Amino acid sequence: MDPDQPSPAEVAAHIASVDDATLEDQLTLLGVDTALTQVFEEMARRFLPFRAPGRTAVMQYDVRLRDGSVRAWQLSIHDGACTASPGTGRTAQVTAEIALPTFMRMVTGAIEPVAAFMSGDLKMRGDMMLAQQMQNWFDRSY
């Protein structure tokens, strides 16, 4: 770990401590696409193949920014591996629509996916059973 970089726990604490507008402004300054690349690559690294033996799936995240733009990312699970890629290159079985600040809070553990869904901050389309199962396919420790 780079001593000049904050730890994942420090990043998570910061994300939990600021309001949505501040968080999105900070991510915009850092580069939204750079931040999302890092998040999705980390998600792919945290895939736990033993929890999804023989499974094949594509989950798409449509991450909305305050300006109305959307950054689409896909996680593809196949042959015991997970890859992350920007865009909509494959047909997704599950699509999650979520605002950038809520997404960042969800992936850092500040809010639970079920809570975000129940509040309407996370909208899901597609195979809901698969979406529930996929939550357990990743190491969510922070």
C-alpha atoms as a PDB file:
ATOM      1  CA  MET A   1       0.000   0.000   0.000  1.00  0.00           C
ATOM      2  CA  ASP A   2       1.259   3.456  -0.902  1.00  0.00           C
ATOM      3  CA  PRO A   3       1.847   5.395   2.365  1.00  0.00           C
ATOM      4  CA  ASP A   4       0.811   8.619   0.581  1.00  0.00           C
ATOM      5  CA  GLN A   5      -2.586   7.146  -0.310  1.00  0.00           C
ATOM      6  CA  PRO A   6      -5.439   6.900   2.199  1.00  0.00           C
ATOM      7  CA  SER A   7      -6.424   3.414   3.296  1.00  0.00           C
ATOM      8  CA  PRO A   8      -9.721   1.917   2.072  1.00  0.00           C
ATOM      9  CA  ALA A   9     -11.141   2.476   5.574  1.00  0.00           C
ATOM     10  CA  GLU A  10     -10.146   6.156   5.463  1.00  0.00           C
ATOM     11  CA  VAL A  11     -11.727   6.564   2.026  1.00  0.00           C
ATOM     12  CA  ALA A  12     -14.916   4.870   3.228  1.00  0.00           C
ATOM     13  CA  ALA A  13     -15.066   7.098   6.320  1.00  0.00           C
ATOM     14  CA  HIS A  14     -14.646  10.223   4.194  1.00  0.00           C
ATOM     15  CA  ILE A  15     -17.347   9.125   1.729  1.00  0.00           C
ATOM     16  CA  ALA A  16     -19.732   8.493   4.627  1.00  0.00           C
ATOM     17  CA  SER A  17     -18.996  11.900   6.182  1.00  0.00           C
ATOM     18  CA  VAL A  18     -19.786  14.278   3.298  1.00  0.00           C
ATOM     19  CA  ASP A  19     -23.054  15.240   1.624  1.00  0.00           C
ATOM     20  CA  ASP A  20     -23.959  14.087  -1.891  1.00  0.00           C
ATOM     21  CA  ALA A  21     -23.083  17.357  -3.648  1.00  0.00           C
ATOM     22  CA  THR A  22     -19.683  17.588  -1.956  1.00  0.00           C
ATOM     23  CA  LEU A  23     -18.897  13.952  -2.722  1.00  0.00           C
ATOM     24  CA  GLU A  24     -19.808  14.306  -6.383  1.00  0.00           C
ATOM     25  CA  ASP A  25     -17.839  17.573  -6.665  1.00  0.00           C
ATOM     26  CA  GLN A  26     -14.775  15.871  -5.161  1.00  0.00           C
ATOM     27  CA  LEU A  27     -15.111  12.887  -7.489  1.00  0.00           C
ATOM     28  CA  THR A  28     -15.486  15.223 -10.453  1.00  0.00           C
ATOM     29  CA  LEU A  29     -12.230  16.969  -9.487  1.00  0.00           C
ATOM     30  CA  LEU A  30     -10.460  13.607  -9.174  1.00  0.00           C
ATOM     31  CA  GLY A  31     -12.016  12.376 -12.412  1.00  0.00           C
ATOM     32  CA  VAL A  32     -15.263  10.406 -12.290  1.00  0.00           C
ATOM     33  CA  ASP A  33     -14.129   7.941 -14.952  1.00  0.00           C
ATOM     34  CA  THR A  34     -10.832   7.332 -13.141  1.00  0.00           C
ATOM     35  CA  ALA A  35     -12.640   6.786  -9.836  1.00  0.00           C
ATOM     36  CA  LEU A  36     -15.186   4.416 -11.393  1.00  0.00           C
ATOM     37  CA  THR A  37     -12.427   2.468 -13.152  1.00  0.00           C
ATOM     38  CA  GLN A  38     -10.694   1.959  -9.821  1.00  0.00           C
ATOM     39  CA  VAL A  39     -13.935   0.934  -8.077  1.00  0.00           C
ATOM     40  CA  PHE A  40     -15.013  -1.566 -10.724  1.00  0.00           C
ATOM     41  CA  GLU A  41     -11.532  -3.066 -11.066  1.00  0.00           C
ATOM     42  CA  GLU A  42     -11.495  -3.524  -7.283  1.00  0.00           C
ATOM     43  CA  MET A  43     -14.944  -5.134  -7.422  1.00  0.00           C
ATOM     44  CA  ALA A  44     -13.656  -7.608 -10.024  1.00  0.00           C
ATOM     45  CA  ARG A  45     -10.646  -8.384  -7.801  1.00  0.00           C
ATOM     46  CA  ARG A  46     -12.991  -9.047  -4.885  1.00  0.00           C
ATOM     47  CA  PHE A  47     -14.960 -11.697  -6.784  1.00  0.00           C
ATOM     48  CA  LEU A  48     -15.132 -14.952  -4.815  1.00  0.00           C
ATOM     49  CA  PRO A  49     -15.385 -17.719  -7.437  1.00  0.00           C
ATOM     50  CA  PHE A  50     -16.077 -20.435  -4.860  1.00  0.00           C
ATOM     51  CA  ARG A  51     -19.388 -18.684  -4.114  1.00  0.00           C
ATOM     52  CA  ALA A  52     -20.496 -18.806  -7.761  1.00  0.00           C
ATOM     53  CA  PRO A  53     -19.325 -22.178  -9.088  1.00  0.00           C
ATOM     54  CA  GLY A  54     -20.259 -22.695 -12.720  1.00  0.00           C
ATOM     55  CA  ARG A  55     -22.188 -19.420 -12.875  1.00  0.00           C
ATOM     56  CA  THR A  56     -22.219 -17.055 -15.825  1.00  0.00           C
ATOM     57  CA  ALA A  57     -23.754 -13.601 -15.488  1.00  0.00           C
ATOM     58  CA  VAL A  58     -23.487  -9.976 -16.556  1.00  0.00           C
ATOM     59  CA  MET A  59     -24.467  -7.213 -14.154  1.00  0.00           C
ATOM     60  CA  GLN A  60     -24.651  -3.668 -15.417  1.00  0.00           C
ATOM     61  CA  TYR A  61     -24.431  -0.538 -13.313  1.00  0.00           C
ATOM     62  CA  ASP A  62     -25.833   2.699 -14.741  1.00  0.00           C
ATOM     63  CA  VAL A  63     -24.247   5.331 -12.493  1.00  0.00           C
ATOM     64  CA  ARG A  64     -26.001   8.716 -12.792  1.00  0.00           C
ATOM     65  CA  LEU A  65     -24.271  12.030 -12.301  1.00  0.00           C
ATOM     66  CA  ARG A  66     -25.957  15.230 -11.188  1.00  0.00           C
ATOM     67  CA  ASP A  67     -25.637  16.675 -14.722  1.00  0.00           C
ATOM     68  CA  GLY A  68     -27.856  13.859 -16.048  1.00  0.00           C
ATOM     69  CA  SER A  69     -25.072  11.892 -17.695  1.00  0.00           C
ATOM     70  CA  VAL A  70     -24.743   8.161 -17.062  1.00  0.00           C
ATOM     71  CA  ARG A  71     -21.616   6.032 -16.809  1.00  0.00           C
ATOM     72  CA  ALA A  72     -22.416   2.402 -17.630  1.00  0.00           C
ATOM     73  CA  TRP A  73     -20.177  -0.385 -16.342  1.00  0.00           C
ATOM     74  CA  GLN A  74     -20.525  -4.136 -16.542  1.00  0.00           C
ATOM     75  CA  LEU A  75     -19.242  -6.943 -14.360  1.00  0.00           C
ATOM     76  CA  SER A  76     -19.036 -10.200 -16.307  1.00  0.00           C
ATOM     77  CA  ILE A  77     -18.747 -13.502 -14.492  1.00  0.00           C
ATOM     78  CA  HIS A  78     -17.611 -16.477 -16.568  1.00  0.00           C
ATOM     79  CA  ASP A  79     -15.428 -19.545 -15.985  1.00  0.00           C
ATOM     80  CA  GLY A  80     -14.695 -18.628 -12.362  1.00  0.00           C
ATOM     81  CA  ALA A  81     -13.485 -15.120 -13.171  1.00  0.00           C
ATOM     82  CA  CYS A  82     -14.925 -11.623 -13.033  1.00  0.00           C
ATOM     83  CA  THR A  83     -14.020  -8.820 -15.406  1.00  0.00           C
ATOM     84  CA  ALA A  84     -15.100  -5.193 -15.321  1.00  0.00           C
ATOM     85  CA  SER A  85     -15.574  -3.076 -18.401  1.00  0.00           C
ATOM     86  CA  PRO A  86     -17.095   0.304 -19.197  1.00  0.00           C
ATOM     87  CA  GLY A  87     -20.086   0.450 -21.492  1.00  0.00           C
ATOM     88  CA  THR A  88     -22.891  -1.862 -22.444  1.00  0.00           C
ATOM     89  CA  GLY A  89     -21.094  -4.395 -24.620  1.00  0.00           C
ATOM     90  CA  ARG A  90     -22.991  -7.463 -23.412  1.00  0.00           C
ATOM     91  CA  THR A  91     -26.594  -8.227 -22.596  1.00  0.00           C
ATOM     92  CA  ALA A  92     -27.029  -7.810 -18.841  1.00  0.00           C
ATOM     93  CA  GLN A  93     -29.234 -10.116 -16.802  1.00  0.00           C
ATOM     94  CA  VAL A  94     -29.424  -7.452 -14.092  1.00  0.00           C
ATOM     95  CA  THR A  95     -29.132  -3.674 -14.368  1.00  0.00           C
ATOM     96  CA  ALA A  96     -28.751  -1.364 -11.376  1.00  0.00           C
ATOM     97  CA  GLU A  97     -29.515   2.345 -11.754  1.00  0.00           C
ATOM     98  CA  ILE A  98     -27.978   4.505  -9.028  1.00  0.00           C
ATOM     99  CA  ALA A  99     -26.672   8.029  -8.412  1.00  0.00           C
ATOM    100  CA  LEU A 100     -22.901   8.371  -8.093  1.00  0.00           C
ATOM    101  CA  PRO A 101     -22.840   9.382  -4.391  1.00  0.00           C
ATOM    102  CA  THR A 102     -25.176   6.541  -3.416  1.00  0.00           C
ATOM    103  CA  PHE A 103     -23.117   4.086  -5.451  1.00  0.00           C
ATOM    104  CA  MET A 104     -19.918   5.158  -3.707  1.00  0.00           C
ATOM    105  CA  ARG A 105     -21.581   4.829  -0.301  1.00  0.00           C
ATOM    106  CA  MET A 106     -22.879   1.396  -1.227  1.00  0.00           C
ATOM    107  CA  VAL A 107     -19.534   0.019  -2.417  1.00  0.00           C
ATOM    108  CA  THR A 108     -17.739   1.346   0.660  1.00  0.00           C
ATOM    109  CA  GLY A 109     -20.283  -0.132   3.058  1.00  0.00           C
ATOM    110  CA  ALA A 110     -21.787   3.148   4.290  1.00  0.00           C
ATOM    111  CA  ILE A 111     -25.191   1.942   3.102  1.00  0.00           C
ATOM    112  CA  GLU A 112     -26.448  -1.545   2.368  1.00  0.00           C
ATOM    113  CA  PRO A 113     -27.779  -2.391  -1.109  1.00  0.00           C
ATOM    114  CA  VAL A 114     -31.129  -3.515   0.350  1.00  0.00           C
ATOM    115  CA  ALA A 115     -31.531  -0.185   2.156  1.00  0.00           C
ATOM    116  CA  ALA A 116     -30.692   1.735  -1.038  1.00  0.00           C
ATOM    117  CA  PHE A 117     -33.223  -0.367  -2.960  1.00  0.00           C
ATOM    118  CA  MET A 118     -35.954   0.040  -0.337  1.00  0.00           C
ATOM    119  CA  SER A 119     -35.459   3.830  -0.263  1.00  0.00           C
ATOM    120  CA  GLY A 120     -35.707   4.027  -4.064  1.00  0.00           C
ATOM    121  CA  ASP A 121     -32.103   5.216  -4.410  1.00  0.00           C
ATOM    122  CA  LEU A 122     -31.210   1.968  -6.188  1.00  0.00           C
ATOM    123  CA  LYS A 123     -33.451   0.798  -9.012  1.00  0.00           C
ATOM    124  CA  MET A 124     -33.062  -2.711 -10.374  1.00  0.00           C
ATOM    125  CA  ARG A 125     -34.186  -4.315 -13.643  1.00  0.00           C
ATOM    126  CA  GLY A 126     -33.909  -7.890 -14.725  1.00  0.00           C
ATOM    127  CA  ASP A 127     -33.408 -11.079 -12.742  1.00  0.00           C
ATOM    128  CA  MET A 128     -33.938 -10.059  -9.104  1.00  0.00           C
ATOM    129  CA  MET A 129     -33.055 -13.524  -7.783  1.00  0.00           C
ATOM    130  CA  LEU A 130     -29.705 -13.312  -9.564  1.00  0.00           C
ATOM    131  CA  ALA A 131     -29.152  -9.812  -8.154  1.00  0.00           C
ATOM    132  CA  GLN A 132     -29.682 -11.131  -4.624  1.00  0.00           C
ATOM    133  CA  GLN A 133     -27.326 -14.061  -5.216  1.00  0.00           C
ATOM    134  CA  MET A 134     -24.619 -11.882  -6.744  1.00  0.00           C
ATOM    135  CA  GLN A 135     -24.323  -9.806  -3.556  1.00  0.00           C
ATOM    136  CA  ASN A 136     -22.695 -12.845  -1.954  1.00  0.00           C
ATOM    137  CA  TRP A 137     -20.226 -13.405  -4.791  1.00  0.00           C
ATOM    138  CA  PHE A 138     -17.943 -10.561  -3.683  1.00  0.00           C
ATOM    139  CA  ASP A 139     -15.787  -9.844  -0.652  1.00  0.00           C
ATOM    140  CA  ARG A 140     -17.494  -6.851   0.930  1.00  0.00           C
ATOM    141  CA  SER A 141     -15.068  -6.320   3.790  1.00  0.00           C
ATOM    142  CA  TYR A 142     -13.772  -2.761   4.116  1.00  0.00           C
END
